[in-house]
């Protein structure tokens, strides 16, 4: 898979921007983790969750990848229910 499988048609501008940013992180691993999550969930995220995602994708890539893949601990302001959903999604997606 090389990129988003979801069309941005029907998404508001904020969701379109976040979908793009999730698929263009900088490393292939993070593109796949966040991009796949965004493909699956972006349309249904609440405004609060969109804000959390916007904040989370500002975390430096090595730190976020370590937290999602090996259990490194993020600063408390990033450890949200949405982060837990992404981490769980990654595990389920990886197992599939």
N, C-alpha and C. Protein backbone atom coordinates (compact mmCIF):
# COMPACT_ATOMS: atom_id res chain seq x y z
N UNK A 1 0.84 -1.17 0.00
CA UNK A 1 0.00 0.00 0.00
C UNK A 1 0.89 1.23 0.00
N UNK A 2 0.56 2.18 -0.83
CA UNK A 2 1.42 3.35 -0.98
C UNK A 2 0.82 4.64 -0.48
N UNK A 3 -0.40 4.64 -0.04
CA UNK A 3 -1.01 5.86 0.44
C UNK A 3 -2.46 5.64 0.80
N UNK A 4 -3.15 6.74 0.99
CA UNK A 4 -4.53 6.71 1.44
C UNK A 4 -5.41 5.89 0.50
N UNK A 5 -6.27 5.13 1.12
CA UNK A 5 -7.28 4.39 0.36
C UNK A 5 -8.62 5.08 0.46
N UNK A 6 -8.65 6.20 1.17
CA UNK A 6 -9.87 6.94 1.41
C UNK A 6 -9.87 8.23 0.61
N UNK A 7 -10.98 8.51 -0.02
CA UNK A 7 -11.13 9.78 -0.72
C UNK A 7 -11.40 10.87 0.30
N UNK A 8 -10.92 12.06 0.02
CA UNK A 8 -11.21 13.18 0.91
C UNK A 8 -12.53 13.86 0.54
N UNK A 9 -13.20 13.37 -0.49
CA UNK A 9 -14.50 13.92 -0.87
C UNK A 9 -15.46 13.83 0.31
N UNK A 10 -16.16 14.90 0.55
CA UNK A 10 -17.14 14.93 1.63
C UNK A 10 -16.57 15.30 2.98
N UNK A 11 -15.27 15.43 3.08
CA UNK A 11 -14.66 15.84 4.35
C UNK A 11 -14.53 17.36 4.40
N UNK A 12 -14.67 17.92 5.60
CA UNK A 12 -14.44 19.36 5.74
C UNK A 12 -12.94 19.63 5.63
N UNK A 13 -12.59 20.90 5.50
CA UNK A 13 -11.18 21.27 5.27
C UNK A 13 -10.25 20.80 6.37
N UNK A 14 -10.71 20.87 7.61
CA UNK A 14 -9.86 20.44 8.73
C UNK A 14 -9.54 18.95 8.62
N UNK A 15 -10.54 18.14 8.33
CA UNK A 15 -10.33 16.70 8.19
C UNK A 15 -9.45 16.39 6.98
N UNK A 16 -9.64 17.09 5.89
CA UNK A 16 -8.80 16.90 4.70
C UNK A 16 -7.34 17.18 5.04
N UNK A 17 -7.10 18.28 5.75
CA UNK A 17 -5.74 18.66 6.12
C UNK A 17 -5.12 17.60 7.03
N UNK A 18 -5.87 17.14 8.03
CA UNK A 18 -5.34 16.14 8.94
C UNK A 18 -5.10 14.80 8.24
N UNK A 19 -5.99 14.42 7.34
CA UNK A 19 -5.79 13.19 6.58
C UNK A 19 -4.49 13.27 5.78
N UNK A 20 -4.28 14.39 5.12
CA UNK A 20 -3.04 14.58 4.36
C UNK A 20 -1.83 14.52 5.26
N UNK A 21 -1.87 15.22 6.38
CA UNK A 21 -0.71 15.25 7.29
C UNK A 21 -0.42 13.89 7.90
N UNK A 22 -1.44 13.10 8.14
CA UNK A 22 -1.22 11.76 8.69
C UNK A 22 -0.52 10.85 7.68
N UNK A 23 -0.77 11.08 6.40
CA UNK A 23 -0.13 10.27 5.36
C UNK A 23 1.22 10.84 4.91
N UNK A 24 1.60 12.00 5.43
CA UNK A 24 2.85 12.63 5.00
C UNK A 24 3.67 13.06 6.21
N UNK A 25 4.01 12.08 7.04
CA UNK A 25 4.75 12.33 8.27
C UNK A 25 6.24 12.50 8.01
N UNK A 26 6.77 11.75 7.09
CA UNK A 26 8.21 11.83 6.85
C UNK A 26 8.87 10.47 6.78
N UNK A 27 8.39 9.53 7.60
CA UNK A 27 8.90 8.17 7.49
C UNK A 27 7.76 7.26 7.09
N UNK A 28 8.10 6.23 6.36
CA UNK A 28 7.09 5.29 5.86
C UNK A 28 6.32 4.65 7.01
N UNK A 29 7.02 4.30 8.09
CA UNK A 29 6.38 3.64 9.21
C UNK A 29 5.28 4.51 9.81
N UNK A 30 5.59 5.80 10.03
CA UNK A 30 4.59 6.69 10.62
C UNK A 30 3.48 7.01 9.63
N UNK A 31 3.81 7.11 8.35
CA UNK A 31 2.76 7.30 7.34
C UNK A 31 1.74 6.16 7.43
N UNK A 32 2.24 4.95 7.55
CA UNK A 32 1.34 3.79 7.59
C UNK A 32 0.53 3.73 8.88
N UNK A 33 1.16 4.04 10.00
CA UNK A 33 0.43 3.99 11.27
C UNK A 33 -0.66 5.05 11.31
N UNK A 34 -0.27 6.31 11.15
CA UNK A 34 -1.25 7.39 11.26
C UNK A 34 -2.16 7.47 10.06
N UNK A 35 -1.62 7.21 8.88
CA UNK A 35 -2.43 7.27 7.67
C UNK A 35 -3.55 6.25 7.66
N UNK A 36 -3.23 5.03 8.02
CA UNK A 36 -4.25 3.98 8.06
C UNK A 36 -5.31 4.30 9.11
N UNK A 37 -4.87 4.80 10.27
CA UNK A 37 -5.83 5.18 11.30
C UNK A 37 -6.73 6.29 10.77
N UNK A 38 -6.15 7.30 10.16
CA UNK A 38 -6.94 8.42 9.64
C UNK A 38 -7.91 7.94 8.56
N UNK A 39 -7.46 7.07 7.67
CA UNK A 39 -8.37 6.53 6.65
C UNK A 39 -9.61 5.91 7.30
N UNK A 40 -9.39 5.16 8.37
CA UNK A 40 -10.47 4.44 9.02
C UNK A 40 -11.36 5.32 9.89
N UNK A 41 -10.79 6.36 10.49
CA UNK A 41 -11.51 7.06 11.55
C UNK A 41 -11.80 8.53 11.32
N UNK A 42 -11.13 9.19 10.37
CA UNK A 42 -11.18 10.65 10.28
C UNK A 42 -12.60 11.20 10.16
N UNK A 43 -13.45 10.55 9.44
CA UNK A 43 -14.81 11.07 9.23
C UNK A 43 -15.64 11.06 10.51
N UNK A 44 -15.30 10.18 11.44
CA UNK A 44 -16.12 10.03 12.65
C UNK A 44 -15.51 10.66 13.90
N UNK A 45 -14.34 11.25 13.79
CA UNK A 45 -13.73 11.87 14.97
C UNK A 45 -14.51 13.12 15.38
N UNK A 46 -14.64 13.31 16.68
CA UNK A 46 -15.30 14.50 17.21
C UNK A 46 -14.36 15.70 17.07
N UNK A 47 -14.89 16.89 17.29
CA UNK A 47 -14.04 18.08 17.26
C UNK A 47 -12.91 17.98 18.29
N UNK A 48 -13.23 17.47 19.47
CA UNK A 48 -12.20 17.32 20.51
C UNK A 48 -11.12 16.34 20.06
N UNK A 49 -11.53 15.25 19.42
CA UNK A 49 -10.55 14.27 18.92
C UNK A 49 -9.72 14.84 17.78
N UNK A 50 -10.32 15.64 16.93
CA UNK A 50 -9.55 16.29 15.87
C UNK A 50 -8.49 17.21 16.46
N UNK A 51 -8.85 17.91 17.52
CA UNK A 51 -7.89 18.79 18.20
C UNK A 51 -6.76 17.95 18.80
N UNK A 52 -7.11 16.82 19.41
CA UNK A 52 -6.09 15.93 19.97
C UNK A 52 -5.17 15.39 18.87
N UNK A 53 -5.74 15.01 17.73
CA UNK A 53 -4.93 14.51 16.62
C UNK A 53 -4.01 15.59 16.09
N UNK A 54 -4.54 16.79 15.95
CA UNK A 54 -3.74 17.92 15.50
C UNK A 54 -2.55 18.15 16.43
N UNK A 55 -2.80 18.04 17.71
CA UNK A 55 -1.76 18.22 18.73
C UNK A 55 -0.76 17.05 18.68
N UNK A 56 -1.27 15.85 18.55
CA UNK A 56 -0.44 14.65 18.57
C UNK A 56 0.53 14.60 17.39
N UNK A 57 0.10 15.06 16.23
CA UNK A 57 0.99 14.97 15.08
C UNK A 57 2.09 16.02 15.10
N UNK A 58 2.08 16.87 16.11
CA UNK A 58 3.18 17.81 16.32
C UNK A 58 4.32 17.18 17.12
N UNK A 59 4.07 16.02 17.72
CA UNK A 59 5.12 15.33 18.48
C UNK A 59 6.22 14.92 17.49
N UNK A 60 7.49 15.14 17.84
CA UNK A 60 8.57 14.71 16.94
C UNK A 60 8.41 13.24 16.56
N UNK A 61 8.63 12.98 15.31
CA UNK A 61 8.39 11.65 14.75
C UNK A 61 9.06 10.51 15.52
N UNK A 62 10.35 10.62 15.88
CA UNK A 62 10.98 9.50 16.61
C UNK A 62 10.29 9.23 17.96
N UNK A 63 9.86 10.28 18.63
CA UNK A 63 9.20 10.12 19.93
C UNK A 63 7.83 9.46 19.77
N UNK A 64 7.06 9.92 18.79
CA UNK A 64 5.73 9.36 18.57
C UNK A 64 5.83 7.90 18.12
N UNK A 65 6.76 7.61 17.21
CA UNK A 65 6.93 6.24 16.75
C UNK A 65 7.32 5.32 17.91
N UNK A 66 8.23 5.77 18.75
CA UNK A 66 8.65 4.97 19.90
C UNK A 66 7.48 4.71 20.85
N UNK A 67 6.65 5.71 21.05
CA UNK A 67 5.50 5.54 21.94
C UNK A 67 4.47 4.58 21.36
N UNK A 68 4.30 4.62 20.05
CA UNK A 68 3.32 3.75 19.41
C UNK A 68 3.83 2.33 19.20
N UNK A 69 5.12 2.18 19.02
CA UNK A 69 5.64 0.86 18.65
C UNK A 69 6.32 0.12 19.78
N UNK A 70 6.92 0.85 20.70
CA UNK A 70 7.67 0.13 21.74
C UNK A 70 7.29 0.52 23.16
N UNK A 71 6.26 1.33 23.29
CA UNK A 71 5.79 1.65 24.63
C UNK A 71 6.53 2.77 25.33
N UNK A 72 7.37 3.52 24.61
CA UNK A 72 8.01 4.68 25.24
C UNK A 72 6.90 5.61 25.73
N UNK A 73 7.18 6.35 26.76
CA UNK A 73 6.17 7.19 27.39
C UNK A 73 6.20 8.60 26.81
N UNK A 74 5.03 9.06 26.38
CA UNK A 74 4.89 10.44 25.91
C UNK A 74 4.60 11.36 27.08
N UNK A 75 4.80 12.63 26.87
CA UNK A 75 4.43 13.63 27.87
C UNK A 75 2.93 13.51 28.14
N UNK A 76 2.49 13.81 29.35
CA UNK A 76 1.08 13.61 29.72
C UNK A 76 0.08 14.31 28.80
N UNK A 77 0.43 15.46 28.25
CA UNK A 77 -0.53 16.18 27.40
C UNK A 77 -0.84 15.45 26.09
N UNK A 78 -0.02 14.46 25.74
CA UNK A 78 -0.25 13.69 24.52
C UNK A 78 -0.88 12.33 24.78
N UNK A 79 -0.89 11.91 26.04
CA UNK A 79 -1.45 10.59 26.38
C UNK A 79 -2.96 10.72 26.57
N UNK A 80 -3.66 10.69 25.48
CA UNK A 80 -5.11 10.88 25.48
C UNK A 80 -5.80 9.58 25.07
N UNK A 81 -7.11 9.60 25.16
CA UNK A 81 -7.89 8.45 24.69
C UNK A 81 -7.66 8.23 23.20
N UNK A 82 -7.47 9.31 22.45
CA UNK A 82 -7.22 9.16 21.02
C UNK A 82 -5.87 8.48 20.78
N UNK A 83 -4.86 8.84 21.52
CA UNK A 83 -3.56 8.17 21.41
C UNK A 83 -3.74 6.67 21.66
N UNK A 84 -4.50 6.33 22.70
CA UNK A 84 -4.74 4.91 23.00
C UNK A 84 -5.47 4.22 21.85
N UNK A 85 -6.42 4.91 21.23
CA UNK A 85 -7.13 4.34 20.07
C UNK A 85 -6.18 4.08 18.91
N UNK A 86 -5.29 5.04 18.65
CA UNK A 86 -4.33 4.87 17.56
C UNK A 86 -3.40 3.70 17.86
N UNK A 87 -2.95 3.62 19.10
CA UNK A 87 -2.05 2.53 19.48
C UNK A 87 -2.76 1.18 19.35
N UNK A 88 -3.99 1.09 19.79
CA UNK A 88 -4.77 -0.15 19.66
C UNK A 88 -5.03 -0.48 18.20
N UNK A 89 -5.34 0.54 17.41
CA UNK A 89 -5.59 0.34 15.99
C UNK A 89 -4.34 -0.19 15.31
N UNK A 90 -3.19 0.35 15.68
CA UNK A 90 -1.93 -0.10 15.10
C UNK A 90 -1.71 -1.58 15.36
N UNK A 91 -1.99 -2.01 16.58
CA UNK A 91 -1.80 -3.42 16.94
C UNK A 91 -2.78 -4.29 16.16
N UNK A 92 -4.05 -3.88 16.09
CA UNK A 92 -5.04 -4.66 15.34
C UNK A 92 -4.68 -4.68 13.86
N UNK A 93 -4.26 -3.54 13.31
CA UNK A 93 -3.91 -3.45 11.89
C UNK A 93 -2.68 -4.29 11.60
N UNK A 94 -1.74 -4.27 12.52
CA UNK A 94 -0.49 -5.03 12.34
C UNK A 94 -0.76 -6.53 12.38
N UNK A 95 -1.71 -6.94 13.22
CA UNK A 95 -2.05 -8.36 13.34
C UNK A 95 -2.84 -8.88 12.16
N UNK A 96 -3.49 -7.97 11.43
CA UNK A 96 -4.36 -8.40 10.32
C UNK A 96 -3.57 -8.89 9.13
